[in-house]
Amino acid sequence: TECHGAVLASDAGRWSEEGAAKELKEITINGDKYLNVDMSTTAGIDRAKTLGVASSGMADAIITPYILKSTSLFDDKHHGLAFTMMRHPVERAASMYNYLTKNGNAEIKRLTIEEYAKSPHAENNWMVRFLTGKLGGEVTDDDLLVAKEMLRTKFVVGLLEYKSTSMKRFEQYFGWTYTENPKEQYSCRKKAIEKNVKGGGGDGSTKIKEGSQAYSLLMWQNKLDMQLYLYAQHVYNLQGQKLFPNLEAKQ
């Protein structure tokens, strides 16, 4: 939304007075454009469906962790195309710890990252859970197989470690172009990508040394997600050859 000028359906509705309105509206927050919906909760997705987010054509992209639930937004006349930016599970979990300790979670602030990794607060195979809809209970190898198939058949896969190339793939696949002010928009894009690449994600992520206790504990919590991530790398490479051979040739 910042660089392309796209309108997003994300969680912005929760931060706006228009988030409870009875009609779908475009709202502006810090100069960026959103719809007045909250796609970060199942109740918010139900409201977005009632308001006709997909059929309205007002959203350029929908951002939500509830992949299966969000399919209810679409119908035979209004289809969706899915994309994702995958991240190494240990880096993702460490980043979440860092975010929670910096954003006022008093209970987690008292925990070391090792204590956090052992606690109920730590992520546990987050990607497998959300791709299968199995948010509670134990996830199994069968769930991993379902998540792999979802990823392979439904998503254009990007990898945070190759963020620049991943963004080029998304832009080509979805036809996202810079037409309003190309020079300024390309500069915005360059700064956004460089910020994330140099900052290890752009969120001040806690660095975890491979082989350390914290790394091992977070890996244990996310062992199925790690297998899914390795598979995502495989899918990323295959899609590069089949869908984006022109981009592959430039690398």
Protein backbone atom coordinates (compact mmCIF):
# COMPACT_ATOMS: atom_id res chain seq x y z
CA THR A 1 0.00 0.00 0.00
CA GLU A 2 2.85 2.40 0.76
CA CYS A 3 4.72 1.99 -2.54
CA HIS A 4 2.11 0.62 -4.95
CA GLY A 5 -0.79 2.67 -3.62
CA ALA A 6 -2.80 -0.54 -3.28
CA VAL A 7 -5.90 -0.83 -1.10
CA LEU A 8 -5.51 -3.55 1.53
CA ALA A 9 -8.06 -5.53 3.48
CA SER A 10 -6.04 -6.32 6.61
CA ASP A 11 -6.49 -5.61 10.32
CA ALA A 12 -6.76 -1.85 9.84
CA GLY A 13 -10.46 -1.82 10.65
CA ARG A 14 -9.75 -2.54 14.30
CA TRP A 15 -7.82 0.75 14.56
CA SER A 16 -10.48 2.92 12.92
CA GLU A 17 -13.83 4.27 14.06
CA GLU A 18 -15.15 3.03 10.72
CA GLY A 19 -14.37 -0.54 11.78
CA ALA A 20 -17.93 -0.96 13.04
CA ALA A 21 -19.66 0.74 10.11
CA LYS A 22 -22.46 -1.10 8.33
CA GLU A 23 -21.03 -0.44 4.87
CA LEU A 24 -17.67 -1.12 3.26
CA LYS A 25 -15.46 1.96 3.08
CA GLU A 26 -11.96 2.89 2.04
CA ILE A 27 -10.06 4.52 4.90
CA THR A 28 -6.65 6.18 5.07
CA ILE A 29 -4.18 5.58 7.89
CA ASN A 30 -0.87 7.48 7.80
CA GLY A 31 -1.37 8.07 4.09
CA ASP A 32 -1.95 4.39 3.27
CA LYS A 33 -5.22 2.95 1.95
CA TYR A 34 -7.23 0.19 3.62
CA LEU A 35 -10.76 -1.12 3.87
CA ASN A 36 -12.62 -0.77 7.18
CA VAL A 37 -12.43 -4.49 8.00
CA ASP A 38 -10.37 -6.66 10.34
CA MET A 39 -9.06 -9.78 8.63
CA SER A 40 -7.03 -10.87 11.66
CA THR A 41 -9.99 -12.53 13.40
CA THR A 42 -12.62 -15.04 12.31
CA ALA A 43 -15.37 -12.66 13.43
CA GLY A 44 -13.79 -9.93 11.33
CA ILE A 45 -13.76 -12.22 8.28
CA ASP A 46 -17.46 -12.99 8.82
CA ARG A 47 -18.17 -9.24 8.84
CA ALA A 48 -16.04 -8.75 5.71
CA LYS A 49 -18.05 -11.47 3.97
CA THR A 50 -21.32 -9.78 4.94
CA LEU A 51 -19.99 -6.49 3.55
CA GLY A 52 -18.96 -8.19 0.30
CA VAL A 53 -15.21 -7.55 0.35
CA ALA A 54 -14.46 -9.89 -2.56
CA SER A 55 -17.46 -9.02 -4.75
CA SER A 56 -16.94 -5.27 -4.22
CA GLY A 57 -13.59 -5.30 -6.01
CA MET A 58 -12.39 -2.60 -3.64
CA ALA A 59 -9.47 -4.58 -2.19
CA ASP A 60 -6.28 -5.08 -4.20
CA ALA A 61 -5.01 -7.61 -1.66
CA ILE A 62 -6.25 -9.35 1.48
CA ILE A 63 -3.85 -10.00 4.36
CA THR A 64 -4.93 -12.71 6.82
CA PRO A 65 -3.56 -15.72 8.71
CA TYR A 66 -6.94 -17.50 8.44
CA ILE A 67 -6.47 -19.01 4.98
CA LEU A 68 -9.25 -21.60 5.13
CA LYS A 69 -11.75 -19.23 6.74
CA SER A 70 -11.03 -16.52 4.18
CA THR A 71 -12.10 -18.78 1.30
CA SER A 72 -15.68 -18.07 2.39
CA LEU A 73 -15.24 -14.54 1.00
CA PHE A 74 -15.12 -15.84 -2.57
CA ASP A 75 -17.63 -17.46 -4.91
CA ASP A 76 -17.83 -18.78 -8.47
CA LYS A 77 -17.72 -15.25 -9.89
CA HIS A 78 -15.10 -13.80 -7.56
CA HIS A 79 -11.93 -15.83 -7.20
CA GLY A 80 -8.80 -15.33 -5.13
CA LEU A 81 -5.11 -16.01 -5.81
CA ALA A 82 -2.94 -16.72 -2.79
CA PHE A 83 0.63 -15.65 -2.07
CA THR A 84 2.86 -15.84 0.97
CA MET A 85 6.29 -14.75 2.16
CA MET A 86 7.81 -17.62 4.14
CA ARG A 87 10.41 -17.17 6.86
CA HIS A 88 12.72 -19.58 8.67
CA PRO A 89 10.63 -20.79 11.66
CA VAL A 90 13.31 -20.13 14.28
CA GLU A 91 13.89 -16.60 12.99
CA ARG A 92 10.13 -16.05 12.93
CA ALA A 93 9.69 -17.31 16.51
CA ALA A 94 12.61 -15.22 17.77
CA SER A 95 11.17 -12.20 16.00
CA MET A 96 7.83 -12.74 17.72
CA TYR A 97 9.57 -12.93 21.11
CA ASN A 98 11.37 -9.69 20.32
CA TYR A 99 8.13 -8.01 19.26
CA LEU A 100 6.24 -9.11 22.37
CA THR A 101 8.97 -7.98 24.76
CA LYS A 102 9.06 -4.56 23.11
CA ASN A 103 5.32 -4.02 22.94
CA GLY A 104 4.22 -4.14 26.51
CA ASN A 105 3.63 -7.82 27.24
CA ALA A 106 4.61 -7.74 30.91
CA GLU A 107 4.57 -11.50 31.40
CA ILE A 108 6.86 -12.21 28.45
CA LYS A 109 9.18 -9.31 29.32
CA ARG A 110 10.18 -11.26 32.43
CA LEU A 111 11.17 -14.32 30.40
CA THR A 112 14.50 -15.05 28.77
CA ILE A 113 14.17 -16.34 25.23
CA GLU A 114 14.96 -19.85 26.53
CA GLU A 115 12.14 -19.58 29.09
CA TYR A 116 9.85 -18.21 26.40
CA ALA A 117 10.64 -21.16 24.13
CA LYS A 118 9.53 -23.55 26.88
CA SER A 119 6.38 -21.60 27.69
CA PRO A 120 2.85 -21.79 26.24
CA HIS A 121 3.47 -18.38 24.67
CA ALA A 122 5.93 -19.72 22.11
CA GLU A 123 4.76 -20.43 18.57
CA ASN A 124 4.14 -24.10 17.91
CA ASN A 125 4.16 -25.04 14.22
CA TRP A 126 2.26 -21.87 13.37
CA MET A 127 2.30 -22.32 9.57
CA VAL A 128 1.15 -25.93 9.59
CA ARG A 129 -1.65 -25.02 11.98
CA PHE A 130 -3.00 -22.13 9.94
CA LEU A 131 -2.70 -23.93 6.60
CA THR A 132 -4.71 -26.86 7.95
CA GLY A 133 -7.03 -24.96 10.29
CA LYS A 134 -5.88 -27.11 13.23
CA LEU A 135 -5.20 -24.33 15.70
CA GLY A 136 -5.51 -26.46 18.83
CA GLY A 137 -4.25 -29.85 19.90
CA GLU A 138 -1.30 -31.77 18.51
CA VAL A 139 -0.31 -31.47 14.87
CA THR A 140 0.97 -34.59 13.13
CA ASP A 141 2.85 -35.70 10.03
CA ASP A 142 -0.52 -36.08 8.31
CA ASP A 143 -1.20 -32.39 8.96
CA LEU A 144 2.22 -31.58 7.52
CA LEU A 145 1.31 -33.42 4.32
CA VAL A 146 -1.91 -31.41 4.02
CA ALA A 147 0.00 -28.15 4.60
CA LYS A 148 2.57 -29.10 1.94
CA GLU A 149 -0.14 -29.82 -0.59
CA MET A 150 -1.88 -26.53 0.22
CA LEU A 151 1.36 -24.66 -0.28
CA ARG A 152 2.20 -26.45 -3.53
CA THR A 153 -1.19 -26.13 -5.19
CA LYS A 154 -2.60 -22.85 -3.86
CA PHE A 155 0.22 -20.36 -3.31
CA VAL A 156 2.78 -18.30 -5.13
CA VAL A 157 5.61 -18.78 -2.64
CA GLY A 158 8.09 -16.08 -1.67
CA LEU A 159 10.98 -16.42 0.77
CA LEU A 160 12.05 -13.62 3.09
CA GLU A 161 15.70 -14.55 2.52
CA TYR A 162 15.14 -13.71 -1.17
CA LYS A 163 12.79 -10.83 -0.61
CA SER A 164 13.75 -8.74 -3.64
CA THR A 165 13.29 -11.61 -6.10
CA SER A 166 10.13 -12.74 -4.31
CA MET A 167 8.62 -9.27 -4.72
CA LYS A 168 9.53 -9.27 -8.42
CA ARG A 169 7.69 -12.57 -8.78
CA PHE A 170 4.59 -11.25 -7.01
CA GLU A 171 4.62 -8.08 -9.11
CA GLN A 172 4.89 -10.05 -12.34
CA TYR A 173 2.31 -12.67 -11.39
CA PHE A 174 -0.33 -10.21 -10.17
CA GLY A 175 0.47 -7.44 -12.63
CA TRP A 176 1.40 -4.92 -9.95
CA THR A 177 2.96 -1.95 -11.72
CA TYR A 178 4.24 1.48 -10.76
CA THR A 179 2.24 3.94 -12.83
CA GLU A 180 1.31 6.86 -10.55
CA ASN A 181 4.83 8.20 -9.98
CA PRO A 182 7.28 5.48 -11.13
CA LYS A 183 10.50 7.13 -9.94
CA GLU A 184 9.17 7.83 -6.45
CA GLN A 185 7.43 4.45 -6.22
CA TYR A 186 10.55 2.50 -7.25
CA SER A 187 12.56 4.46 -4.68
CA CYS A 188 9.97 3.56 -2.02
CA ARG A 189 10.17 -0.12 -3.01
CA LYS A 190 13.98 -0.13 -2.92
CA LYS A 191 14.09 1.43 0.55
CA ALA A 192 11.47 -0.99 1.92
CA ILE A 193 13.31 -4.07 0.65
CA GLU A 194 16.76 -2.87 1.72
CA LYS A 195 15.44 -2.07 5.20
CA ASN A 196 14.17 -5.62 5.60
CA VAL A 197 17.21 -7.30 4.08
CA LYS A 198 19.74 -5.36 6.16
CA GLY A 199 17.65 -5.59 9.32
CA GLY A 200 17.07 -9.32 9.10
CA GLY A 201 13.37 -8.73 8.57
CA GLY A 202 13.22 -5.10 9.54
CA ASP A 203 11.91 -5.76 13.04
CA GLY A 204 15.10 -5.80 15.12
CA SER A 205 14.88 -9.57 15.39
CA THR A 206 16.72 -11.31 18.19
CA LYS A 207 19.63 -13.19 16.65
CA ILE A 208 19.73 -16.85 17.62
CA LYS A 209 22.92 -18.81 17.16
CA GLU A 210 22.39 -22.19 15.56
CA GLY A 211 23.22 -24.93 18.08
CA SER A 212 22.37 -22.77 21.10
CA GLN A 213 19.80 -23.87 23.65
CA ALA A 214 17.33 -21.22 22.49
CA TYR A 215 17.72 -22.31 18.87
CA SER A 216 17.20 -25.98 19.75
CA LEU A 217 14.13 -25.22 21.87
CA LEU A 218 12.49 -23.06 19.22
CA MET A 219 13.31 -25.67 16.58
CA TRP A 220 11.69 -28.34 18.75
CA GLN A 221 8.54 -26.20 19.04
CA ASN A 222 8.45 -25.80 15.26
CA LYS A 223 9.85 -29.05 13.89
CA LEU A 224 6.93 -29.56 11.47
CA ASP A 225 7.13 -25.94 10.37
CA MET A 226 10.82 -26.49 9.65
CA GLN A 227 9.98 -29.38 7.35
CA LEU A 228 7.34 -27.21 5.71
CA TYR A 229 9.88 -24.42 5.26
CA LEU A 230 12.35 -26.77 3.56
CA TYR A 231 9.52 -27.85 1.28
CA ALA A 232 8.67 -24.18 0.62
CA GLN A 233 12.23 -23.67 -0.59
CA HIS A 234 11.70 -26.56 -3.00
CA VAL A 235 8.41 -25.08 -4.24
CA TYR A 236 10.05 -21.67 -4.59
CA ASN A 237 12.75 -23.13 -6.83
CA LEU A 238 10.23 -25.06 -8.94
CA GLN A 239 8.02 -22.01 -9.40
CA GLY A 240 11.06 -20.02 -10.45
CA GLN A 241 11.71 -22.47 -13.27
CA LYS A 242 8.09 -22.91 -14.37
CA LEU A 243 6.43 -19.55 -13.71
CA PHE A 244 9.27 -17.05 -13.75
CA PRO A 245 11.98 -18.28 -16.15
CA ASN A 246 12.60 -14.69 -17.30
CA LEU A 247 13.43 -13.63 -13.74
CA GLU A 248 15.59 -16.69 -13.14
CA ALA A 249 17.67 -15.87 -16.19
CA LYS A 250 18.48 -12.43 -14.76
CA GLN A 251 19.84 -13.77 -11.46
